[in-house]
Amino acid sequence: IHAKSPGPIALSIEEGNLFPLPLTASGKVLLAYMNEAERSTVLKANPIYKKYPKPKRDEFLASLANIKETGAYFKPSDLAEGVSDISLPIGKHSTNGIIACLTISMLSTLNINKNIKNDEILAEANKCVKKIEQRIGVLGL
C-alpha cells in the first residue's frame, strides 16, 4: 500500500521493485524475527551477505538481535542517502510469527526542519501496526 505524502515533497518507492534483503529495513526486520535455522539458510544463500567479512557478518547478526529486542528498526537507509527508514513487525505476538512489516521511508531533512521527534514517529507507526493487526485478526494472539 502506498500512502500519499502530507507535504509538497514526496519520496516514492515503486511497488514491485526488488531490493537486496540485507540492505532494506523490512528485510532486516523479517530476518530478525525468523528462527535461527531459517535465517541462517536465507543468509547463506544471499550474495550480499556472503561477501561480508566475518566481523561485518557478526555486526549484522548483532543488529538483527537488537531489532528483535527493541521491536523496531529506525535508521538511515542503506540504499539512499538522506532517507531514514522505520520498520516494525506485524503479528509479532501471533503464534505463527510475524507476517509482514510496516515500513516507512522518509526524507531525513524534512523531518529535521519540522522538528518532529523520532519517538513521535515511532509511536504513530506503532499505532498503525496495532490497527493493522486488529483488522487482520492477529492482535493479542
C-alpha atoms as a PDB file:
ATOM      1  CA  ILE A   1       0.000   0.000   0.000  1.00  0.00           C
ATOM      2  CA  HIS A   2       1.295   3.430  -0.914  1.00  0.00           C
ATOM      3  CA  ALA A   3       0.381   6.485   1.175  1.00  0.00           C
ATOM      4  CA  LYS A   4       0.214   9.992  -0.231  1.00  0.00           C
ATOM      5  CA  SER A   5       2.738  12.471   1.161  1.00  0.00           C
ATOM      6  CA  PRO A   6       1.271  15.043   3.566  1.00  0.00           C
ATOM      7  CA  GLY A   7       3.605  17.700   2.161  1.00  0.00           C
ATOM      8  CA  PRO A   8       4.563  19.094  -1.242  1.00  0.00           C
ATOM      9  CA  ILE A   9       7.696  16.928  -1.496  1.00  0.00           C
ATOM     10  CA  ALA A  10       7.331  13.162  -1.644  1.00  0.00           C
ATOM     11  CA  LEU A  11       9.565  10.120  -1.551  1.00  0.00           C
ATOM     12  CA  SER A  12       8.300   7.382  -3.836  1.00  0.00           C
ATOM     13  CA  ILE A  13       9.366   3.759  -3.822  1.00  0.00           C
ATOM     14  CA  GLU A  14       7.692   1.931  -6.654  1.00  0.00           C
ATOM     15  CA  GLU A  15       5.715  -1.193  -5.888  1.00  0.00           C
ATOM     16  CA  GLY A  16       7.104  -4.452  -7.162  1.00  0.00           C
ATOM     17  CA  ASN A  17      10.772  -3.497  -7.122  1.00  0.00           C
ATOM     18  CA  LEU A  18      13.132  -5.965  -5.533  1.00  0.00           C
ATOM     19  CA  PHE A  19      15.882  -4.755  -3.232  1.00  0.00           C
ATOM     20  CA  PRO A  20      18.652  -6.736  -1.518  1.00  0.00           C
ATOM     21  CA  LEU A  21      17.298  -8.306   1.689  1.00  0.00           C
ATOM     22  CA  PRO A  22      20.211  -7.321   3.985  1.00  0.00           C
ATOM     23  CA  LEU A  23      20.077  -3.684   2.842  1.00  0.00           C
ATOM     24  CA  THR A  24      16.395  -2.945   3.460  1.00  0.00           C
ATOM     25  CA  ALA A  25      14.640  -2.031   6.679  1.00  0.00           C
ATOM     26  CA  SER A  26      11.865  -4.554   6.053  1.00  0.00           C
ATOM     27  CA  GLY A  27      14.381  -7.249   5.127  1.00  0.00           C
ATOM     28  CA  LYS A  28      16.269  -6.717   8.365  1.00  0.00           C
ATOM     29  CA  VAL A  29      13.076  -6.878  10.434  1.00  0.00           C
ATOM     30  CA  LEU A  30      11.919 -10.041   8.659  1.00  0.00           C
ATOM     31  CA  LEU A  31      15.340 -11.614   9.232  1.00  0.00           C
ATOM     32  CA  ALA A  32      15.345 -10.544  12.886  1.00  0.00           C
ATOM     33  CA  TYR A  33      12.091 -12.382  13.550  1.00  0.00           C
ATOM     34  CA  MET A  34      12.955 -15.585  11.656  1.00  0.00           C
ATOM     35  CA  ASN A  35      14.013 -18.577  13.685  1.00  0.00           C
ATOM     36  CA  GLU A  36      17.759 -19.075  13.671  1.00  0.00           C
ATOM     37  CA  ALA A  37      17.811 -22.045  11.272  1.00  0.00           C
ATOM     38  CA  GLU A  38      15.619 -20.296   8.699  1.00  0.00           C
ATOM     39  CA  ARG A  39      17.634 -17.059   8.967  1.00  0.00           C
ATOM     40  CA  SER A  40      20.896 -18.969   8.542  1.00  0.00           C
ATOM     41  CA  THR A  41      19.599 -20.716   5.414  1.00  0.00           C
ATOM     42  CA  VAL A  42      18.394 -17.440   3.879  1.00  0.00           C
ATOM     43  CA  LEU A  43      21.616 -15.576   4.650  1.00  0.00           C
ATOM     44  CA  LYS A  44      23.892 -18.360   3.408  1.00  0.00           C
ATOM     45  CA  ALA A  45      22.160 -18.085   0.032  1.00  0.00           C
ATOM     46  CA  ASN A  46      22.288 -14.277  -0.084  1.00  0.00           C
ATOM     47  CA  PRO A  47      25.059 -12.952  -2.372  1.00  0.00           C
ATOM     48  CA  ILE A  48      25.492  -9.699  -0.427  1.00  0.00           C
ATOM     49  CA  TYR A  49      25.705 -11.338   2.990  1.00  0.00           C
ATOM     50  CA  LYS A  50      28.108 -13.987   1.645  1.00  0.00           C
ATOM     51  CA  LYS A  51      30.550 -11.226   0.633  1.00  0.00           C
ATOM     52  CA  TYR A  52      30.601  -9.699   4.122  1.00  0.00           C
ATOM     53  CA  PRO A  53      33.819 -10.410   6.049  1.00  0.00           C
ATOM     54  CA  LYS A  54      33.275 -12.263   9.346  1.00  0.00           C
ATOM     55  CA  PRO A  55      33.354  -9.104  11.536  1.00  0.00           C
ATOM     56  CA  LYS A  56      30.674  -7.478   9.364  1.00  0.00           C
ATOM     57  CA  ARG A  57      28.546 -10.644   9.473  1.00  0.00           C
ATOM     58  CA  ASP A  58      28.812 -10.677  13.261  1.00  0.00           C
ATOM     59  CA  GLU A  59      27.853  -6.995  13.402  1.00  0.00           C
ATOM     60  CA  PHE A  60      24.910  -7.623  11.073  1.00  0.00           C
ATOM     61  CA  LEU A  61      23.640 -10.535  13.190  1.00  0.00           C
ATOM     62  CA  ALA A  62      24.004  -8.413  16.345  1.00  0.00           C
ATOM     63  CA  SER A  63      21.932  -5.680  14.675  1.00  0.00           C
ATOM     64  CA  LEU A  64      19.191  -8.241  13.975  1.00  0.00           C
ATOM     65  CA  ALA A  65      19.188  -9.247  17.647  1.00  0.00           C
ATOM     66  CA  ASN A  66      18.864  -5.568  18.558  1.00  0.00           C
ATOM     67  CA  ILE A  67      15.903  -5.148  16.201  1.00  0.00           C
ATOM     68  CA  LYS A  68      14.102  -8.064  17.835  1.00  0.00           C
ATOM     69  CA  GLU A  69      14.928  -6.744  21.308  1.00  0.00           C
ATOM     70  CA  THR A  70      13.671  -3.213  20.598  1.00  0.00           C
ATOM     71  CA  GLY A  71      10.820  -4.291  18.312  1.00  0.00           C
ATOM     72  CA  ALA A  72      11.663  -1.814  15.561  1.00  0.00           C
ATOM     73  CA  TYR A  73      14.243  -0.665  13.053  1.00  0.00           C
ATOM     74  CA  PHE A  74      14.788   3.096  12.738  1.00  0.00           C
ATOM     75  CA  LYS A  75      17.980   4.154  10.951  1.00  0.00           C
ATOM     76  CA  PRO A  76      19.323   5.974   7.906  1.00  0.00           C
ATOM     77  CA  SER A  77      18.676   3.975   4.746  1.00  0.00           C
ATOM     78  CA  ASP A  78      21.427   1.724   3.406  1.00  0.00           C
ATOM     79  CA  LEU A  79      20.054   2.278  -0.104  1.00  0.00           C
ATOM     80  CA  ALA A  80      19.500   6.036  -0.376  1.00  0.00           C
ATOM     81  CA  GLU A  81      21.349   8.959   1.173  1.00  0.00           C
ATOM     82  CA  GLY A  82      19.156  11.483   3.003  1.00  0.00           C
ATOM     83  CA  VAL A  83      16.454   8.898   3.656  1.00  0.00           C
ATOM     84  CA  SER A  84      15.545   7.353   7.007  1.00  0.00           C
ATOM     85  CA  ASP A  85      13.688   4.063   7.314  1.00  0.00           C
ATOM     86  CA  ILE A  86      11.460   2.796  10.065  1.00  0.00           C
ATOM     87  CA  SER A  87      10.155  -0.753  10.000  1.00  0.00           C
ATOM     88  CA  LEU A  88       8.023  -2.598  12.527  1.00  0.00           C
ATOM     89  CA  PRO A  89       6.886  -6.225  12.530  1.00  0.00           C
ATOM     90  CA  ILE A  90       3.216  -7.055  12.090  1.00  0.00           C
ATOM     91  CA  GLY A  91       1.978 -10.069  14.021  1.00  0.00           C
ATOM     92  CA  LYS A  92       4.923 -10.485  16.383  1.00  0.00           C
ATOM     93  CA  HIS A  93       2.581 -11.712  19.125  1.00  0.00           C
ATOM     94  CA  SER A  94       0.877 -14.316  16.936  1.00  0.00           C
ATOM     95  CA  THR A  95       1.736 -17.973  17.331  1.00  0.00           C
ATOM     96  CA  ASN A  96       2.868 -18.133  13.695  1.00  0.00           C
ATOM     97  CA  GLY A  97       5.391 -15.294  13.993  1.00  0.00           C
ATOM     98  CA  ILE A  98       5.418 -12.077  12.025  1.00  0.00           C
ATOM     99  CA  ILE A  99       3.559 -11.990   8.747  1.00  0.00           C
ATOM    100  CA  ALA A 100       4.635  -8.618   7.365  1.00  0.00           C
ATOM    101  CA  CYS A 101       6.291  -5.309   8.188  1.00  0.00           C
ATOM    102  CA  LEU A 102       5.052  -1.762   8.233  1.00  0.00           C
ATOM    103  CA  THR A 103       7.906   0.170   6.674  1.00  0.00           C
ATOM    104  CA  ILE A 104       8.087   3.918   6.267  1.00  0.00           C
ATOM    105  CA  SER A 105      10.815   5.681   4.317  1.00  0.00           C
ATOM    106  CA  MET A 106      11.118   9.422   4.782  1.00  0.00           C
ATOM    107  CA  LEU A 107      13.349  12.258   3.727  1.00  0.00           C
ATOM    108  CA  SER A 108      15.519  12.931   6.773  1.00  0.00           C
ATOM    109  CA  THR A 109      15.955  16.663   6.256  1.00  0.00           C
ATOM    110  CA  LEU A 110      12.224  17.363   6.017  1.00  0.00           C
ATOM    111  CA  ASN A 111      11.627  15.885   9.463  1.00  0.00           C
ATOM    112  CA  ILE A 112      14.525  17.818  10.981  1.00  0.00           C
ATOM    113  CA  ASN A 113      13.091  21.082   9.681  1.00  0.00           C
ATOM    114  CA  LYS A 114       9.640  20.286  11.085  1.00  0.00           C
ATOM    115  CA  ASN A 115      11.136  19.385  14.466  1.00  0.00           C
ATOM    116  CA  ILE A 116       9.340  16.028  14.550  1.00  0.00           C
ATOM    117  CA  LYS A 117      10.950  13.741  17.090  1.00  0.00           C
ATOM    118  CA  ASN A 118      11.781  10.146  16.188  1.00  0.00           C
ATOM    119  CA  ASP A 119       9.888   8.919  19.263  1.00  0.00           C
ATOM    120  CA  GLU A 120       6.718  10.592  17.949  1.00  0.00           C
ATOM    121  CA  ILE A 121       7.112   8.954  14.552  1.00  0.00           C
ATOM    122  CA  LEU A 122       7.739   5.565  16.163  1.00  0.00           C
ATOM    123  CA  ALA A 123       4.687   5.938  18.434  1.00  0.00           C
ATOM    124  CA  GLU A 124       2.444   6.756  15.454  1.00  0.00           C
ATOM    125  CA  ALA A 125       3.876   3.849  13.459  1.00  0.00           C
ATOM    126  CA  ASN A 126       3.156   1.521  16.397  1.00  0.00           C
ATOM    127  CA  LYS A 127      -0.456   2.752  16.434  1.00  0.00           C
ATOM    128  CA  CYS A 128      -0.715   1.875  12.742  1.00  0.00           C
ATOM    129  CA  VAL A 129       0.702  -1.600  13.393  1.00  0.00           C
ATOM    130  CA  LYS A 130      -1.922  -2.181  16.108  1.00  0.00           C
ATOM    131  CA  LYS A 131      -4.713  -1.088  13.723  1.00  0.00           C
ATOM    132  CA  ILE A 132      -3.424  -3.403  11.004  1.00  0.00           C
ATOM    133  CA  GLU A 133      -3.188  -6.298  13.459  1.00  0.00           C
ATOM    134  CA  GLN A 134      -6.745  -5.655  14.660  1.00  0.00           C
ATOM    135  CA  ARG A 135      -8.078  -5.576  11.100  1.00  0.00           C
ATOM    136  CA  ILE A 136      -6.369  -8.804  10.078  1.00  0.00           C
ATOM    137  CA  GLY A 137      -7.176 -10.549  13.340  1.00  0.00           C
ATOM    138  CA  VAL A 138      -3.732 -11.132  14.834  1.00  0.00           C
ATOM    139  CA  LEU A 139      -3.764  -8.623  17.711  1.00  0.00           C
ATOM    140  CA  GLY A 140      -3.433 -10.235  21.098  1.00  0.00           C
ATOM    141  CA  LEU A 141      -2.943 -13.797  19.882  1.00  0.00           C
END
